[in-house]
């Protein structure tokens, strides 16, 4: 099972520089089991709300993007509900200060670990670095330009 954090899936719904590469990656791996968590849905909605708040996107465009995102998840992904074990492990990961983890990323890592994900895919370099420090299977999945 492949677990995806929000950053990896956003380009499937909103046009970004990585959209074509992410789409190709998903097509190439379509035989695998894809998973996210309900936290992913919250993060995506938060991103849309921020875009509207900052004037980068209209409310109706954001609402349409949210519908497309939810439909994509319903069609192709298992959606895990975070449980107490996920929060406990996320807290432990946050205690590893050298990782530089934020709460949401620690929760993604914990959910993926507790559900025995073969790989967690993310475009977030901080999450990938933290996953490597923690000995977890993490990858960008695509070639990403360094900033």
Foldseek 3Di string as FASTA:
>chain_A
DEEEALQLCVLCLDPDPCVVVSVVLCVVCQVDAYEYEVLRLVVLLVVLVVCCVVVNDPPVSSVVSSVVVVVVCVVGHDYHYDDPQLQVQLVVLVVVVVLVDDSSLSSSQSVCVVVVHPEYAHPDPSSQSSCVVVVHHYDVSGDDDDD
